[in-house]
Amino acid sequence: MIEVWRLVRRRFCPTPASAFSGDGAAIAGGRWNRRGTRAAYASWSRSLAILEILATIDRADAASDYAFASAMLHEADVENAPALPEGWRSPARSQITVEVGERFVAERVALALAVPSVIVPQERNYLINPLHPRFGTIEIGESFEPFPFDERIFR
């Protein structure tokens, strides 16, 4: 089993299950998906989940309602991302990564895709397909773990 983490705003995710719905990525799009495509982004550790959020917010957005949601994935349900060409780590959303993610979601071969983090490429994030037939096998944690940002981070 692989434990994965999402750091979410409770305002937008009232339950741990809603944290893995993929609705937020469908609304805004992401590094690995276009707007309109549902996908849940998760990290292999709490600290990587924090870094991924910090890369997208500023001090004014560091609300007090962040919390961790966790889930357990079966290793057999996880596929590794293909080798990525140079330029995939560009700060802006990359067409390269969007195409990989869109293909993964559309093909439904695996439930989750292990992808390298842009921030720490040696660590993994997971793109979870909520439309995959095995999505119901994910063991989503029953409660949130509140996470207040340490104010020193934003100095």
C-alpha atoms as a PDB file:
ATOM      1  CA  MET A   1       0.000   0.000   0.000  1.00  0.00           C
ATOM      2  CA  ILE A   2       1.096   3.563  -0.727  1.00  0.00           C
ATOM      3  CA  GLU A   3      -0.082   6.338   1.567  1.00  0.00           C
ATOM      4  CA  VAL A   4      -0.666   9.639  -0.212  1.00  0.00           C
ATOM      5  CA  TRP A   5      -1.482  13.102   1.097  1.00  0.00           C
ATOM      6  CA  ARG A   6      -3.415  16.131  -0.058  1.00  0.00           C
ATOM      7  CA  LEU A   7      -3.269  19.519   1.659  1.00  0.00           C
ATOM      8  CA  VAL A   8      -6.633  21.120   1.008  1.00  0.00           C
ATOM      9  CA  ARG A   9      -8.781  24.032   2.107  1.00  0.00           C
ATOM     10  CA  ARG A  10     -11.722  22.799   4.152  1.00  0.00           C
ATOM     11  CA  ARG A  11     -13.764  25.610   2.586  1.00  0.00           C
ATOM     12  CA  PHE A  12     -13.601  23.775  -0.745  1.00  0.00           C
ATOM     13  CA  CYS A  13     -13.375  20.189   0.541  1.00  0.00           C
ATOM     14  CA  PRO A  14     -15.888  19.593   3.328  1.00  0.00           C
ATOM     15  CA  THR A  15     -15.060  15.861   3.627  1.00  0.00           C
ATOM     16  CA  PRO A  16     -11.899  13.797   3.107  1.00  0.00           C
ATOM     17  CA  ALA A  17     -13.625  11.993   0.226  1.00  0.00           C
ATOM     18  CA  SER A  18     -14.289  15.316  -1.526  1.00  0.00           C
ATOM     19  CA  ALA A  19     -10.545  16.034  -1.369  1.00  0.00           C
ATOM     20  CA  PHE A  20     -10.013  13.188  -3.845  1.00  0.00           C
ATOM     21  CA  SER A  21     -12.921  14.005  -6.185  1.00  0.00           C
ATOM     22  CA  GLY A  22     -10.790  15.805  -8.764  1.00  0.00           C
ATOM     23  CA  ASP A  23     -13.260  18.681  -8.912  1.00  0.00           C
ATOM     24  CA  GLY A  24     -10.707  21.409  -8.169  1.00  0.00           C
ATOM     25  CA  ALA A  25      -8.374  20.293 -10.951  1.00  0.00           C
ATOM     26  CA  ALA A  26     -11.330  20.132 -13.342  1.00  0.00           C
ATOM     27  CA  ILE A  27     -12.199  23.737 -12.526  1.00  0.00           C
ATOM     28  CA  ALA A  28      -8.700  25.204 -12.720  1.00  0.00           C
ATOM     29  CA  GLY A  29      -6.616  22.702 -14.666  1.00  0.00           C
ATOM     30  CA  GLY A  30      -3.195  21.722 -13.420  1.00  0.00           C
ATOM     31  CA  ARG A  31       0.290  20.694 -14.421  1.00  0.00           C
ATOM     32  CA  TRP A  32      -0.981  17.285 -15.550  1.00  0.00           C
ATOM     33  CA  ASN A  33      -4.549  18.079 -16.739  1.00  0.00           C
ATOM     34  CA  ARG A  34      -6.632  20.572 -18.687  1.00  0.00           C
ATOM     35  CA  ARG A  35      -9.665  22.383 -17.346  1.00  0.00           C
ATOM     36  CA  GLY A  36     -12.622  20.056 -17.508  1.00  0.00           C
ATOM     37  CA  THR A  37     -10.607  16.907 -16.731  1.00  0.00           C
ATOM     38  CA  ARG A  38     -11.105  15.534 -13.239  1.00  0.00           C
ATOM     39  CA  ALA A  39      -7.913  14.455 -11.498  1.00  0.00           C
ATOM     40  CA  ALA A  40      -6.822  14.451  -7.866  1.00  0.00           C
ATOM     41  CA  TYR A  41      -3.247  15.466  -7.123  1.00  0.00           C
ATOM     42  CA  ALA A  42      -1.599  13.854  -4.086  1.00  0.00           C
ATOM     43  CA  SER A  43       1.936  13.657  -2.695  1.00  0.00           C
ATOM     44  CA  TRP A  44       3.895  10.849  -1.100  1.00  0.00           C
ATOM     45  CA  SER A  45       4.547  12.876   2.058  1.00  0.00           C
ATOM     46  CA  ARG A  46       2.984  15.679   4.032  1.00  0.00           C
ATOM     47  CA  SER A  47       6.067  17.855   3.523  1.00  0.00           C
ATOM     48  CA  LEU A  48       5.922  17.502  -0.264  1.00  0.00           C
ATOM     49  CA  ALA A  49       2.192  18.321  -0.176  1.00  0.00           C
ATOM     50  CA  ILE A  50       3.073  21.506   1.734  1.00  0.00           C
ATOM     51  CA  LEU A  51       5.751  22.473  -0.807  1.00  0.00           C
ATOM     52  CA  GLU A  52       3.338  21.900  -3.675  1.00  0.00           C
ATOM     53  CA  ILE A  53       0.812  24.281  -2.089  1.00  0.00           C
ATOM     54  CA  LEU A  54       3.467  26.874  -1.229  1.00  0.00           C
ATOM     55  CA  ALA A  55       4.465  26.962  -4.898  1.00  0.00           C
ATOM     56  CA  THR A  56       0.967  28.167  -5.782  1.00  0.00           C
ATOM     57  CA  ILE A  57      -0.056  30.572  -2.996  1.00  0.00           C
ATOM     58  CA  ASP A  58       1.216  33.761  -1.433  1.00  0.00           C
ATOM     59  CA  ARG A  59       0.995  34.978   2.148  1.00  0.00           C
ATOM     60  CA  ALA A  60      -2.477  36.438   1.665  1.00  0.00           C
ATOM     61  CA  ASP A  61      -3.759  33.037   0.545  1.00  0.00           C
ATOM     62  CA  ALA A  62      -2.369  31.159   3.553  1.00  0.00           C
ATOM     63  CA  ALA A  63      -5.796  30.656   5.080  1.00  0.00           C
ATOM     64  CA  SER A  64      -6.290  28.986   8.421  1.00  0.00           C
ATOM     65  CA  ASP A  65      -8.535  26.211   7.100  1.00  0.00           C
ATOM     66  CA  TYR A  66      -5.872  23.986   5.487  1.00  0.00           C
ATOM     67  CA  ALA A  67      -5.948  20.332   6.443  1.00  0.00           C
ATOM     68  CA  PHE A  68      -4.397  17.068   5.322  1.00  0.00           C
ATOM     69  CA  ALA A  69      -6.485  14.311   3.780  1.00  0.00           C
ATOM     70  CA  SER A  70      -4.888  10.912   3.284  1.00  0.00           C
ATOM     71  CA  ALA A  71      -5.591   7.873   1.182  1.00  0.00           C
ATOM     72  CA  MET A  72      -4.098   4.436   0.647  1.00  0.00           C
ATOM     73  CA  LEU A  73      -3.476   3.188  -2.886  1.00  0.00           C
ATOM     74  CA  HIS A  74      -2.731  -0.396  -3.837  1.00  0.00           C
ATOM     75  CA  GLU A  75       0.705  -0.542  -5.472  1.00  0.00           C
ATOM     76  CA  ALA A  76      -0.736  -2.580  -8.354  1.00  0.00           C
ATOM     77  CA  ASP A  77      -3.026   0.373  -9.185  1.00  0.00           C
ATOM     78  CA  VAL A  78      -0.126   2.790  -9.696  1.00  0.00           C
ATOM     79  CA  GLU A  79       1.675   3.264 -12.996  1.00  0.00           C
ATOM     80  CA  ASN A  80       4.950   5.193 -13.320  1.00  0.00           C
ATOM     81  CA  ALA A  81       5.032   8.182 -15.641  1.00  0.00           C
ATOM     82  CA  PRO A  82       6.923   7.688 -18.890  1.00  0.00           C
ATOM     83  CA  ALA A  83      10.337   9.308 -19.305  1.00  0.00           C
ATOM     84  CA  LEU A  84       9.746  13.027 -19.670  1.00  0.00           C
ATOM     85  CA  PRO A  85      11.600  15.153 -22.218  1.00  0.00           C
ATOM     86  CA  GLU A  86      13.708  18.153 -21.316  1.00  0.00           C
ATOM     87  CA  GLY A  87      11.632  21.192 -20.417  1.00  0.00           C
ATOM     88  CA  TRP A  88       8.926  19.365 -18.472  1.00  0.00           C
ATOM     89  CA  ARG A  89       9.882  21.279 -15.294  1.00  0.00           C
ATOM     90  CA  SER A  90       9.136  24.715 -16.723  1.00  0.00           C
ATOM     91  CA  PRO A  91       7.581  27.024 -14.116  1.00  0.00           C
ATOM     92  CA  ALA A  92       4.517  27.567 -16.283  1.00  0.00           C
ATOM     93  CA  ARG A  93       2.115  24.737 -16.987  1.00  0.00           C
ATOM     94  CA  SER A  94       3.841  22.572 -19.560  1.00  0.00           C
ATOM     95  CA  GLN A  95       2.069  21.186 -22.604  1.00  0.00           C
ATOM     96  CA  ILE A  96       4.333  18.132 -22.228  1.00  0.00           C
ATOM     97  CA  THR A  97       2.993  17.217 -18.787  1.00  0.00           C
ATOM     98  CA  VAL A  98      -0.603  18.095 -19.668  1.00  0.00           C
ATOM     99  CA  GLU A  99      -0.476  15.677 -22.605  1.00  0.00           C
ATOM    100  CA  VAL A 100       0.926  12.884 -20.386  1.00  0.00           C
ATOM    101  CA  GLY A 101      -1.760  13.436 -17.755  1.00  0.00           C
ATOM    102  CA  GLU A 102      -4.612  13.756 -20.233  1.00  0.00           C
ATOM    103  CA  ARG A 103      -3.566  10.524 -21.960  1.00  0.00           C
ATOM    104  CA  PHE A 104      -3.327   8.756 -18.591  1.00  0.00           C
ATOM    105  CA  VAL A 105      -6.819   9.860 -17.510  1.00  0.00           C
ATOM    106  CA  ALA A 106      -8.396   9.035 -20.883  1.00  0.00           C
ATOM    107  CA  GLU A 107      -6.853   5.567 -21.220  1.00  0.00           C
ATOM    108  CA  ARG A 108      -7.854   4.456 -17.684  1.00  0.00           C
ATOM    109  CA  VAL A 109      -5.146   1.791 -17.660  1.00  0.00           C
ATOM    110  CA  ALA A 110      -4.196   2.511 -14.041  1.00  0.00           C
ATOM    111  CA  LEU A 111      -5.902   4.267 -11.160  1.00  0.00           C
ATOM    112  CA  ALA A 112      -2.946   6.508 -10.300  1.00  0.00           C
ATOM    113  CA  LEU A 113       0.083   7.834 -12.142  1.00  0.00           C
ATOM    114  CA  ALA A 114       3.304   8.372 -10.162  1.00  0.00           C
ATOM    115  CA  VAL A 115       4.888  11.566 -11.487  1.00  0.00           C
ATOM    116  CA  PRO A 116       8.010  13.432 -10.396  1.00  0.00           C
ATOM    117  CA  SER A 117       7.523  16.610  -8.410  1.00  0.00           C
ATOM    118  CA  VAL A 118       8.620  19.729 -10.271  1.00  0.00           C
ATOM    119  CA  ILE A 119       9.893  21.146  -6.973  1.00  0.00           C
ATOM    120  CA  VAL A 120      11.780  18.015  -5.863  1.00  0.00           C
ATOM    121  CA  PRO A 121      12.049  15.734  -8.910  1.00  0.00           C
ATOM    122  CA  GLN A 122      13.472  12.891  -6.812  1.00  0.00           C
ATOM    123  CA  GLU A 123      10.132  12.668  -4.970  1.00  0.00           C
ATOM    124  CA  ARG A 124       6.765  11.576  -6.277  1.00  0.00           C
ATOM    125  CA  ASN A 125       3.323  13.035  -6.618  1.00  0.00           C
ATOM    126  CA  TYR A 126       0.350  10.998  -7.747  1.00  0.00           C
ATOM    127  CA  LEU A 127      -2.265  11.873 -10.322  1.00  0.00           C
ATOM    128  CA  ILE A 128      -5.379   9.942  -9.300  1.00  0.00           C
ATOM    129  CA  ASN A 129      -8.167   9.322 -11.796  1.00  0.00           C
ATOM    130  CA  PRO A 130     -11.528   9.548  -9.966  1.00  0.00           C
ATOM    131  CA  LEU A 131     -13.274   8.129 -13.058  1.00  0.00           C
ATOM    132  CA  HIS A 132     -11.228   4.917 -13.060  1.00  0.00           C
ATOM    133  CA  PRO A 133     -13.296   1.762 -12.366  1.00  0.00           C
ATOM    134  CA  ARG A 134     -11.096   0.930  -9.338  1.00  0.00           C
ATOM    135  CA  PHE A 135     -11.433   4.370  -7.732  1.00  0.00           C
ATOM    136  CA  GLY A 136     -13.717   2.839  -5.090  1.00  0.00           C
ATOM    137  CA  THR A 137     -10.819   0.686  -3.842  1.00  0.00           C
ATOM    138  CA  ILE A 138      -8.946   3.720  -2.525  1.00  0.00           C
ATOM    139  CA  GLU A 139      -9.006   3.772   1.250  1.00  0.00           C
ATOM    140  CA  ILE A 140      -9.621   7.441   2.062  1.00  0.00           C
ATOM    141  CA  GLY A 141      -8.901   8.532   5.624  1.00  0.00           C
ATOM    142  CA  GLU A 142     -11.953   9.184   7.759  1.00  0.00           C
ATOM    143  CA  SER A 143     -10.926  12.591   9.087  1.00  0.00           C
ATOM    144  CA  PHE A 144      -8.878  15.662   8.303  1.00  0.00           C
ATOM    145  CA  GLU A 145      -5.661  16.551  10.072  1.00  0.00           C
ATOM    146  CA  PRO A 146      -5.667  20.364  10.545  1.00  0.00           C
ATOM    147  CA  PHE A 147      -2.534  22.137   9.324  1.00  0.00           C
ATOM    148  CA  PRO A 148      -1.833  25.741  10.295  1.00  0.00           C
ATOM    149  CA  PHE A 149       1.093  27.230   8.375  1.00  0.00           C
ATOM    150  CA  ASP A 150       4.014  28.318  10.545  1.00  0.00           C
ATOM    151  CA  GLU A 151       4.248  32.111  10.143  1.00  0.00           C
ATOM    152  CA  ARG A 152       8.040  31.897   9.697  1.00  0.00           C
ATOM    153  CA  ILE A 153       7.475  30.394   6.256  1.00  0.00           C
ATOM    154  CA  PHE A 154       6.145  33.687   4.934  1.00  0.00           C
ATOM    155  CA  ARG A 155       8.796  36.028   6.308  1.00  0.00           C
END
